[in-house]
Amino acid sequence: KGLSFLSPSRPTQDYQLLITPTVNYHRTPMDDAVTNLTAMGFDPETVQQALRACGGNQERAVELLLSGGPIIEEVRPLSESSLIQAEISQYSVENGRSACTCIALTGATLYLQNQPISPDLLRNMVLKGVDTYQDISQARPGVEHMSAEEVLQQNVPGFPLQVLGSVRQGITSHDINHPMGMKALLRGCEGARVVVITKTPETVVVCLDQFALVDSHPRPPMATNAYAKIHG
């Protein structure tokens, strides 16, 4: 699979992004709905907001768009079904403490191979990722935390991934419209399926087409092991 790598251009790194190109993207019903409504002359971002507000129902979204009223997206509490956990985290596995970048790239690979997000995917992501980290560590003794770019430069057989594109830096901000915030960085990346985000020393995966955060770190009390938090 081809991946486009985006990482910082300044020393004060906040996070790095790894994005799949459009060529590897598999269209979903939501994509078709956006295409249909955008063809009617509506702004793509407004169309997406309307579809989310209407649960993906095109007819209701059209009515909402034609009404000209404000689009209010319902904020729902996280339900039990929205959180998937494995029985292990990276801290459960020997030598897994600093392996999160390898684990995240493994998770991205499994997801791009169309494996569903499940406890099995999370478990395999952690175990295979730690194995890869150990292999790289033996070849590069003394190296602890690695960026996604450094890992991919090792030409690891388990990652059929290729670095494409340039490096980009972002910052964490309470301002959702900050010009270097996450929203700004992701704008123009329509068609991407997966983003790998590093905020040193931690790396996580975001599956954009399911609005899912995949993380090998425990985050109590929400999650005590590797988990996927699905917002879609």
C-alpha atoms as a PDB file:
ATOM      1  CA  LYS A   1       0.000   0.000   0.000  1.00  0.00           C
ATOM      2  CA  GLY A   2       1.233   3.514  -0.707  1.00  0.00           C
ATOM      3  CA  LEU A   3       1.279   6.051   2.083  1.00  0.00           C
ATOM      4  CA  SER A   4       1.936   9.760   2.069  1.00  0.00           C
ATOM      5  CA  PHE A   5       4.128  10.865   4.987  1.00  0.00           C
ATOM      6  CA  LEU A   6       3.610  14.219   6.666  1.00  0.00           C
ATOM      7  CA  SER A   7       5.971  15.224   9.494  1.00  0.00           C
ATOM      8  CA  PRO A   8       7.219  18.416  11.152  1.00  0.00           C
ATOM      9  CA  SER A   9       9.225  21.086   9.408  1.00  0.00           C
ATOM     10  CA  ARG A  10      10.253  22.770  12.671  1.00  0.00           C
ATOM     11  CA  PRO A  11      12.196  21.323  15.632  1.00  0.00           C
ATOM     12  CA  THR A  12       9.297  21.809  18.076  1.00  0.00           C
ATOM     13  CA  GLN A  13       7.423  18.737  16.941  1.00  0.00           C
ATOM     14  CA  ASP A  14       3.861  18.232  18.110  1.00  0.00           C
ATOM     15  CA  TYR A  15       2.625  15.512  15.833  1.00  0.00           C
ATOM     16  CA  GLN A  16       3.266  13.743  12.578  1.00  0.00           C
ATOM     17  CA  LEU A  17       0.781  12.446  10.056  1.00  0.00           C
ATOM     18  CA  LEU A  18       0.868   9.480   7.746  1.00  0.00           C
ATOM     19  CA  ILE A  19      -1.911   9.542   5.166  1.00  0.00           C
ATOM     20  CA  THR A  20      -3.018   7.054   2.530  1.00  0.00           C
ATOM     21  CA  PRO A  21      -3.435   8.461  -0.975  1.00  0.00           C
ATOM     22  CA  THR A  22      -6.710   8.474  -2.875  1.00  0.00           C
ATOM     23  CA  VAL A  23      -5.586   5.612  -5.116  1.00  0.00           C
ATOM     24  CA  ASN A  24      -5.836   3.186  -2.182  1.00  0.00           C
ATOM     25  CA  TYR A  25      -9.196   4.457  -1.003  1.00  0.00           C
ATOM     26  CA  HIS A  26     -12.306   2.276  -1.062  1.00  0.00           C
ATOM     27  CA  ARG A  27     -15.470   4.351  -1.459  1.00  0.00           C
ATOM     28  CA  THR A  28     -18.217   4.088   1.119  1.00  0.00           C
ATOM     29  CA  PRO A  29     -21.961   4.895   0.885  1.00  0.00           C
ATOM     30  CA  MET A  30     -21.207   8.175   2.676  1.00  0.00           C
ATOM     31  CA  ASP A  31     -18.741   9.111  -0.092  1.00  0.00           C
ATOM     32  CA  ASP A  32     -21.400   8.462  -2.740  1.00  0.00           C
ATOM     33  CA  ALA A  33     -23.885  10.572  -0.793  1.00  0.00           C
ATOM     34  CA  VAL A  34     -21.404  13.460  -0.580  1.00  0.00           C
ATOM     35  CA  THR A  35     -20.756  13.207  -4.322  1.00  0.00           C
ATOM     36  CA  ASN A  36     -24.485  13.195  -5.128  1.00  0.00           C
ATOM     37  CA  LEU A  37     -25.328  16.200  -2.954  1.00  0.00           C
ATOM     38  CA  THR A  38     -22.248  18.166  -3.963  1.00  0.00           C
ATOM     39  CA  ALA A  39     -23.318  17.698  -7.591  1.00  0.00           C
ATOM     40  CA  MET A  40     -26.510  19.566  -6.667  1.00  0.00           C
ATOM     41  CA  GLY A  41     -24.407  22.644  -5.948  1.00  0.00           C
ATOM     42  CA  PHE A  42     -23.986  22.419  -2.179  1.00  0.00           C
ATOM     43  CA  ASP A  43     -20.640  23.036  -0.483  1.00  0.00           C
ATOM     44  CA  PRO A  44     -18.878  19.698   0.304  1.00  0.00           C
ATOM     45  CA  GLU A  45     -18.186  20.573   3.949  1.00  0.00           C
ATOM     46  CA  THR A  46     -21.798  21.650   4.492  1.00  0.00           C
ATOM     47  CA  VAL A  47     -22.971  18.451   2.799  1.00  0.00           C
ATOM     48  CA  GLN A  48     -20.884  16.334   5.170  1.00  0.00           C
ATOM     49  CA  GLN A  49     -22.256  18.199   8.178  1.00  0.00           C
ATOM     50  CA  ALA A  50     -25.820  17.691   6.958  1.00  0.00           C
ATOM     51  CA  LEU A  51     -25.275  13.982   6.335  1.00  0.00           C
ATOM     52  CA  ARG A  52     -23.771  13.481   9.786  1.00  0.00           C
ATOM     53  CA  ALA A  53     -26.668  15.393  11.349  1.00  0.00           C
ATOM     54  CA  CYS A  54     -29.119  13.151   9.465  1.00  0.00           C
ATOM     55  CA  GLY A  55     -27.358   9.874  10.153  1.00  0.00           C
ATOM     56  CA  GLY A  56     -26.309   9.497   6.510  1.00  0.00           C
ATOM     57  CA  ASN A  57     -29.869   9.731   5.145  1.00  0.00           C
ATOM     58  CA  GLN A  58     -29.617  11.579   1.800  1.00  0.00           C
ATOM     59  CA  GLU A  59     -33.265  12.594   1.580  1.00  0.00           C
ATOM     60  CA  ARG A  60     -33.290  14.137   5.046  1.00  0.00           C
ATOM     61  CA  ALA A  61     -29.946  15.817   4.330  1.00  0.00           C
ATOM     62  CA  VAL A  62     -31.366  17.401   1.166  1.00  0.00           C
ATOM     63  CA  GLU A  63     -34.366  18.713   3.110  1.00  0.00           C
ATOM     64  CA  LEU A  64     -32.037  20.161   5.732  1.00  0.00           C
ATOM     65  CA  LEU A  65     -29.807  21.793   3.123  1.00  0.00           C
ATOM     66  CA  LEU A  66     -32.760  23.267   1.234  1.00  0.00           C
ATOM     67  CA  SER A  67     -34.260  24.640   4.437  1.00  0.00           C
ATOM     68  CA  GLY A  68     -31.344  27.025   4.772  1.00  0.00           C
ATOM     69  CA  GLY A  69     -31.409  26.680   8.545  1.00  0.00           C
ATOM     70  CA  PRO A  70     -28.416  26.034  10.811  1.00  0.00           C
ATOM     71  CA  ILE A  71     -27.039  22.508  10.818  1.00  0.00           C
ATOM     72  CA  ILE A  72     -26.755  21.152  14.335  1.00  0.00           C
ATOM     73  CA  GLU A  73     -24.931  17.859  14.650  1.00  0.00           C
ATOM     74  CA  GLU A  74     -26.111  15.727  17.526  1.00  0.00           C
ATOM     75  CA  VAL A  75     -23.405  15.009  20.066  1.00  0.00           C
ATOM     76  CA  ARG A  76     -24.010  11.546  21.438  1.00  0.00           C
ATOM     77  CA  PRO A  77     -22.330  10.078  24.512  1.00  0.00           C
ATOM     78  CA  LEU A  78     -19.902   7.254  23.931  1.00  0.00           C
ATOM     79  CA  SER A  79     -21.828   4.011  24.113  1.00  0.00           C
ATOM     80  CA  GLU A  80     -20.422   0.665  25.153  1.00  0.00           C
ATOM     81  CA  SER A  81     -20.530  -0.561  21.562  1.00  0.00           C
ATOM     82  CA  SER A  82     -18.367   2.393  20.479  1.00  0.00           C
ATOM     83  CA  LEU A  83     -15.366   1.151  22.443  1.00  0.00           C
ATOM     84  CA  ILE A  84     -13.535  -2.020  21.407  1.00  0.00           C
ATOM     85  CA  GLN A  85     -10.763  -3.376  23.621  1.00  0.00           C
ATOM     86  CA  ALA A  86      -8.143  -6.099  23.387  1.00  0.00           C
ATOM     87  CA  GLU A  87      -7.041  -8.137  26.365  1.00  0.00           C
ATOM     88  CA  ILE A  88      -3.526  -6.654  26.162  1.00  0.00           C
ATOM     89  CA  SER A  89      -1.798  -3.312  25.675  1.00  0.00           C
ATOM     90  CA  GLN A  90       1.750  -2.536  24.593  1.00  0.00           C
ATOM     91  CA  TYR A  91       2.688  -2.482  28.277  1.00  0.00           C
ATOM     92  CA  SER A  92       1.496  -6.084  28.673  1.00  0.00           C
ATOM     93  CA  VAL A  93       4.146  -7.372  26.257  1.00  0.00           C
ATOM     94  CA  GLU A  94       7.847  -7.653  26.990  1.00  0.00           C
ATOM     95  CA  ASN A  95       9.810  -4.852  25.261  1.00  0.00           C
ATOM     96  CA  GLY A  96       6.550  -3.213  24.195  1.00  0.00           C
ATOM     97  CA  ARG A  97       6.865   0.015  26.204  1.00  0.00           C
ATOM     98  CA  SER A  98       8.558   1.995  23.399  1.00  0.00           C
ATOM     99  CA  ALA A  99       7.057   0.086  20.457  1.00  0.00           C
ATOM    100  CA  CYS A 100       4.005   2.250  19.774  1.00  0.00           C
ATOM    101  CA  THR A 101       5.173   3.565  16.371  1.00  0.00           C
ATOM    102  CA  CYS A 102       5.762   0.034  15.065  1.00  0.00           C
ATOM    103  CA  ILE A 103       2.433  -1.002  16.580  1.00  0.00           C
ATOM    104  CA  ALA A 104       0.620   1.918  14.945  1.00  0.00           C
ATOM    105  CA  LEU A 105       2.117   1.137  11.524  1.00  0.00           C
ATOM    106  CA  THR A 106       1.125  -2.499  11.983  1.00  0.00           C
ATOM    107  CA  GLY A 107      -2.428  -1.406  12.800  1.00  0.00           C
ATOM    108  CA  ALA A 108      -2.502   0.834   9.724  1.00  0.00           C
ATOM    109  CA  THR A 109      -1.290  -2.062   7.567  1.00  0.00           C
ATOM    110  CA  LEU A 110      -3.898  -4.492   8.923  1.00  0.00           C
ATOM    111  CA  TYR A 111      -6.686  -1.946   8.449  1.00  0.00           C
ATOM    112  CA  LEU A 112      -5.586  -1.146   4.885  1.00  0.00           C
ATOM    113  CA  GLN A 113      -5.743  -4.875   4.224  1.00  0.00           C
ATOM    114  CA  ASN A 114      -9.449  -4.516   5.030  1.00  0.00           C
ATOM    115  CA  GLN A 115      -9.327  -6.330   8.352  1.00  0.00           C
ATOM    116  CA  PRO A 116     -12.245  -5.132  10.505  1.00  0.00           C
ATOM    117  CA  ILE A 117     -11.571  -3.265  13.726  1.00  0.00           C
ATOM    118  CA  SER A 118     -11.941  -5.925  16.406  1.00  0.00           C
ATOM    119  CA  PRO A 119     -10.217  -7.252  19.538  1.00  0.00           C
ATOM    120  CA  ASP A 120      -8.296  -9.645  17.264  1.00  0.00           C
ATOM    121  CA  LEU A 121      -6.974  -6.791  15.114  1.00  0.00           C
ATOM    122  CA  LEU A 122      -5.919  -4.880  18.222  1.00  0.00           C
ATOM    123  CA  ARG A 123      -4.186  -7.927  19.699  1.00  0.00           C
ATOM    124  CA  ASN A 124      -2.378  -8.765  16.447  1.00  0.00           C
ATOM    125  CA  MET A 125      -1.435  -5.113  16.024  1.00  0.00           C
ATOM    126  CA  VAL A 126       0.277  -5.076  19.425  1.00  0.00           C
ATOM    127  CA  LEU A 127       2.032  -8.455  19.137  1.00  0.00           C
ATOM    128  CA  LYS A 128       3.262  -8.028  15.560  1.00  0.00           C
ATOM    129  CA  GLY A 129       4.221  -4.426  16.202  1.00  0.00           C
ATOM    130  CA  VAL A 130       6.344  -5.360  19.217  1.00  0.00           C
ATOM    131  CA  ASP A 131       8.034  -8.138  17.199  1.00  0.00           C
ATOM    132  CA  THR A 132       8.917  -5.606  14.508  1.00  0.00           C
ATOM    133  CA  TYR A 133      10.215  -3.168  17.106  1.00  0.00           C
ATOM    134  CA  GLN A 134      12.453  -5.872  18.579  1.00  0.00           C
ATOM    135  CA  ASP A 135      13.839  -6.750  15.134  1.00  0.00           C
ATOM    136  CA  ILE A 136      14.671  -3.102  14.432  1.00  0.00           C
ATOM    137  CA  SER A 137      16.125  -2.595  17.917  1.00  0.00           C
ATOM    138  CA  GLN A 138      18.528  -5.494  17.401  1.00  0.00           C
ATOM    139  CA  ALA A 139      19.769  -3.884  14.200  1.00  0.00           C
ATOM    140  CA  ARG A 140      19.896  -0.426  15.805  1.00  0.00           C
ATOM    141  CA  PRO A 141      20.928  -0.903  19.447  1.00  0.00           C
ATOM    142  CA  GLY A 142      20.352   2.077  21.695  1.00  0.00           C
ATOM    143  CA  VAL A 143      17.411   3.399  19.695  1.00  0.00           C
ATOM    144  CA  GLU A 144      14.240   3.716  21.774  1.00  0.00           C
ATOM    145  CA  HIS A 145      11.416   5.833  20.349  1.00  0.00           C
ATOM    146  CA  MET A 146      11.277   6.059  16.541  1.00  0.00           C
ATOM    147  CA  SER A 147       9.259   8.190  14.160  1.00  0.00           C
ATOM    148  CA  ALA A 148       7.104   6.560  11.493  1.00  0.00           C
ATOM    149  CA  GLU A 149       9.553   7.766   8.857  1.00  0.00           C
ATOM    150  CA  GLU A 150      12.496   6.131  10.659  1.00  0.00           C
ATOM    151  CA  VAL A 151      10.623   2.846  10.935  1.00  0.00           C
ATOM    152  CA  LEU A 152       9.624   2.782   7.277  1.00  0.00           C
ATOM    153  CA  GLN A 153      13.187   3.560   6.224  1.00  0.00           C
ATOM    154  CA  GLN A 154      14.179   0.164   7.656  1.00  0.00           C
ATOM    155  CA  ASN A 155      12.296  -1.572   4.790  1.00  0.00           C
ATOM    156  CA  VAL A 156      10.580  -3.909   7.222  1.00  0.00           C
ATOM    157  CA  PRO A 157       8.968  -6.839   5.307  1.00  0.00           C
ATOM    158  CA  GLY A 158       5.848  -6.640   7.476  1.00  0.00           C
ATOM    159  CA  PHE A 159       5.032  -3.127   6.261  1.00  0.00           C
ATOM    160  CA  PRO A 160       4.068  -3.081   2.549  1.00  0.00           C
ATOM    161  CA  LEU A 161       4.104   0.716   2.818  1.00  0.00           C
ATOM    162  CA  GLN A 162       5.877   3.376   0.831  1.00  0.00           C
ATOM    163  CA  VAL A 163       6.666   6.915   1.943  1.00  0.00           C
ATOM    164  CA  LEU A 164       5.317   9.497  -0.482  1.00  0.00           C
ATOM    165  CA  GLY A 165       5.047  13.265  -0.346  1.00  0.00           C
ATOM    166  CA  SER A 166       6.642  15.764   1.989  1.00  0.00           C
ATOM    167  CA  VAL A 167       6.773  16.561   5.686  1.00  0.00           C
ATOM    168  CA  ARG A 168       4.255  18.718   7.512  1.00  0.00           C
ATOM    169  CA  GLN A 169       4.115  20.044  11.069  1.00  0.00           C
ATOM    170  CA  GLY A 170       1.125  20.788  13.222  1.00  0.00           C
ATOM    171  CA  ILE A 171       0.412  22.000  16.727  1.00  0.00           C
ATOM    172  CA  THR A 172      -2.120  21.101  19.369  1.00  0.00           C
ATOM    173  CA  SER A 173      -4.518  23.971  19.970  1.00  0.00           C
ATOM    174  CA  HIS A 174      -7.887  24.659  21.580  1.00  0.00           C
ATOM    175  CA  ASP A 175      -8.666  26.749  18.481  1.00  0.00           C
ATOM    176  CA  ILE A 176     -10.268  24.297  16.057  1.00  0.00           C
ATOM    177  CA  ASN A 177      -9.560  26.680  13.163  1.00  0.00           C
ATOM    178  CA  HIS A 178      -5.882  27.254  13.970  1.00  0.00           C
ATOM    179  CA  PRO A 179      -3.951  27.378  10.655  1.00  0.00           C
ATOM    180  CA  MET A 180      -1.578  24.662  11.884  1.00  0.00           C
ATOM    181  CA  GLY A 181      -4.183  22.614  13.760  1.00  0.00           C
ATOM    182  CA  MET A 182      -5.433  19.148  12.919  1.00  0.00           C
ATOM    183  CA  LYS A 183      -8.396  20.405  10.902  1.00  0.00           C
ATOM    184  CA  ALA A 184      -6.148  22.558   8.703  1.00  0.00           C
ATOM    185  CA  LEU A 185      -3.660  19.744   8.143  1.00  0.00           C
ATOM    186  CA  LEU A 186      -6.324  17.255   7.141  1.00  0.00           C
ATOM    187  CA  ARG A 187      -8.072  19.705   4.830  1.00  0.00           C
ATOM    188  CA  GLY A 188      -7.287  18.778   1.254  1.00  0.00           C
ATOM    189  CA  CYS A 189      -6.658  15.122   2.184  1.00  0.00           C
ATOM    190  CA  GLU A 190     -10.061  13.872   1.060  1.00  0.00           C
ATOM    191  CA  GLY A 191      -9.882  10.207   0.155  1.00  0.00           C
ATOM    192  CA  ALA A 192      -7.428   9.302   2.906  1.00  0.00           C
ATOM    193  CA  ARG A 193      -8.359   6.207   4.916  1.00  0.00           C
ATOM    194  CA  VAL A 194      -5.732   6.181   7.651  1.00  0.00           C
ATOM    195  CA  VAL A 195      -3.679   8.759   9.541  1.00  0.00           C
ATOM    196  CA  VAL A 196      -0.806   7.851  11.854  1.00  0.00           C
ATOM    197  CA  ILE A 197      -0.257  10.622  14.396  1.00  0.00           C
ATOM    198  CA  THR A 198       2.838  11.025  16.566  1.00  0.00           C
ATOM    199  CA  LYS A 199       2.928  13.363  19.532  1.00  0.00           C
ATOM    200  CA  THR A 200       6.261  12.347  20.993  1.00  0.00           C
ATOM    201  CA  PRO A 201       6.666   9.849  22.554  1.00  0.00           C
ATOM    202  CA  GLU A 202       3.271   8.360  21.619  1.00  0.00           C
ATOM    203  CA  THR A 203       1.873   7.268  18.260  1.00  0.00           C
ATOM    204  CA  VAL A 204      -1.751   6.377  17.451  1.00  0.00           C
ATOM    205  CA  VAL A 205      -3.816   5.510  14.370  1.00  0.00           C
ATOM    206  CA  VAL A 206      -6.967   7.238  13.121  1.00  0.00           C
ATOM    207  CA  CYS A 207      -9.168   5.386  10.606  1.00  0.00           C
ATOM    208  CA  LEU A 208     -10.909   8.278   8.909  1.00  0.00           C
ATOM    209  CA  ASP A 209     -13.613   6.358   7.077  1.00  0.00           C
ATOM    210  CA  GLN A 210     -14.910   4.989  10.407  1.00  0.00           C
ATOM    211  CA  PHE A 211     -13.999   7.978  12.604  1.00  0.00           C
ATOM    212  CA  ALA A 212     -12.063   5.514  14.768  1.00  0.00           C
ATOM    213  CA  LEU A 213      -9.092   6.189  17.055  1.00  0.00           C
ATOM    214  CA  VAL A 214      -6.896   3.097  17.467  1.00  0.00           C
ATOM    215  CA  ASP A 215      -4.455   3.248  20.376  1.00  0.00           C
ATOM    216  CA  SER A 216      -2.126   0.644  21.900  1.00  0.00           C
ATOM    217  CA  HIS A 217      -1.782   2.594  25.171  1.00  0.00           C
ATOM    218  CA  PRO A 218      -4.150   2.006  28.109  1.00  0.00           C
ATOM    219  CA  ARG A 219      -6.195   5.135  28.921  1.00  0.00           C
ATOM    220  CA  PRO A 220      -7.920   4.447  32.238  1.00  0.00           C
ATOM    221  CA  PRO A 221     -10.642   4.725  33.240  1.00  0.00           C
ATOM    222  CA  MET A 222     -11.899   4.682  29.618  1.00  0.00           C
ATOM    223  CA  ALA A 223      -9.729   1.797  28.450  1.00  0.00           C
ATOM    224  CA  THR A 224      -7.371  -0.471  30.376  1.00  0.00           C
ATOM    225  CA  ASN A 225      -5.795  -2.085  27.292  1.00  0.00           C
ATOM    226  CA  ALA A 226      -5.290  -1.393  23.599  1.00  0.00           C
ATOM    227  CA  TYR A 227      -8.562  -0.034  22.230  1.00  0.00           C
ATOM    228  CA  ALA A 228     -10.461   1.482  19.328  1.00  0.00           C
ATOM    229  CA  LYS A 229     -12.836   4.345  20.030  1.00  0.00           C
ATOM    230  CA  ILE A 230     -15.337   4.616  17.190  1.00  0.00           C
ATOM    231  CA  HIS A 231     -17.169   7.910  16.786  1.00  0.00           C
ATOM    232  CA  GLY A 232     -19.024   7.147  13.552  1.00  0.00           C
END
